[in-house]
């Protein structure tokens, strides 16, 4: 055998040995994923099917009703009496929801209700939708507006924190009132959309500010607007020469996938480049209906991203996050951000230590595709903007207390219990 062939043989042997090591790592990772799953996919689909039947029976709904986003919005569940009538609640669970619901408004779609076990106070989907006594705890160092959006609003319903981009809040309404929402202060006592005058003032500000090239339409959830109202906003922004692309942030993909209609998709296609960011927090939310909604938008050429919030008791687990991110990629959704939870009044029970997030990011590195690894982000209080959380760019001062430098060079402290 020639010297070259011998070297090739050694290289092949070394390669096979390395491949064997990688197989062992993959096997361990997959075993971790399976062990961390709180549910079996097939069993969960059957569970959801049975819950759906019970809800449809209560409302005397047809399949056409169920598949209509209008019907879903009109029949949102927002009180413990209706919830109990559909799914008999335990006495303690009933009392807890009644007590918390008296202080904090809540609402969920029939569709999203079908995904949860409302009697289980630890059910991940239920924790995202149904209030608990934890919301009434006396929170320390919290705020209704930790992002200081009130002080970063130069006109209309804008939030501007960066030189070349801004947010326009077009509604306070969502298909579901998420318990961890950063804009809980806007829940109020009833739904409402941003006034036409405030929206126009926002668009006029963009027209008169040539530095703005990226506009994010959000709320609330812009997808709760009807197609014509949403199109009127998008079309006006598209007429502005310096606006290069438009983004929309929506959680309807998880809470009301029926909203992604053919009509909505056809309308959005007219205004490319359009980007849509979703808000999936748990693998259970990626149902067949949710994936179908993602595929409709992807087929229309809309790039899709996801912004997950790290939430204690829901997704603060490296295997859960990996499973979610892998599942999203199969639905053509790119994991974009993992947000560290904000200190919003009434949500402190969801807060995690920064180390929890960093350990998740460490696990994703190498164990899964870079496509499945988002940025881990801290939103600096006071409206100072997003800061990627890396082990190299912050300093631990004490347990749960950190010092970090923002994109503008401001050194800020933040703390979690």
Foldseek 3Di string as FASTA:
>chain_A
DDPVVVVVVVVVVVVVVVVVVVVVLLVVLVVVLVVPDPDDPVVLVVQLVVLLVLLCVVVVHDPVLVLALVSQLVDKDWALVVVCVSPPEDPVLSVFQRVQSVPATWIATSNLVSNFDSNDPLTQSNLFGTDGCLLVDDDDPFALQQLPQVVQDPAQQWHDQDQAEIEHAFWQAANTDTQQDSNSVSPPPDTDTRDPVSLVGVLVVPLVRLSHQEYEYAHRFLLVDDQVVSLVSLVSNLVRVRHNEYEYEHACLQRPLSSLDPVNLVSVLVRPPYEYEYEDAFQSSCDPSSLVSLLSNVVSVHQYEYEYEQFPSHQLDLSRLLVNLVSVVVSRYFHAEYEQRHRRRSRLNGHDAVVSVQVSQVCCVPNHDPSSHYFYWYQRGPNNGIDGDDPPAWAAPDVQKIWGAGPVGDIDIDGHD
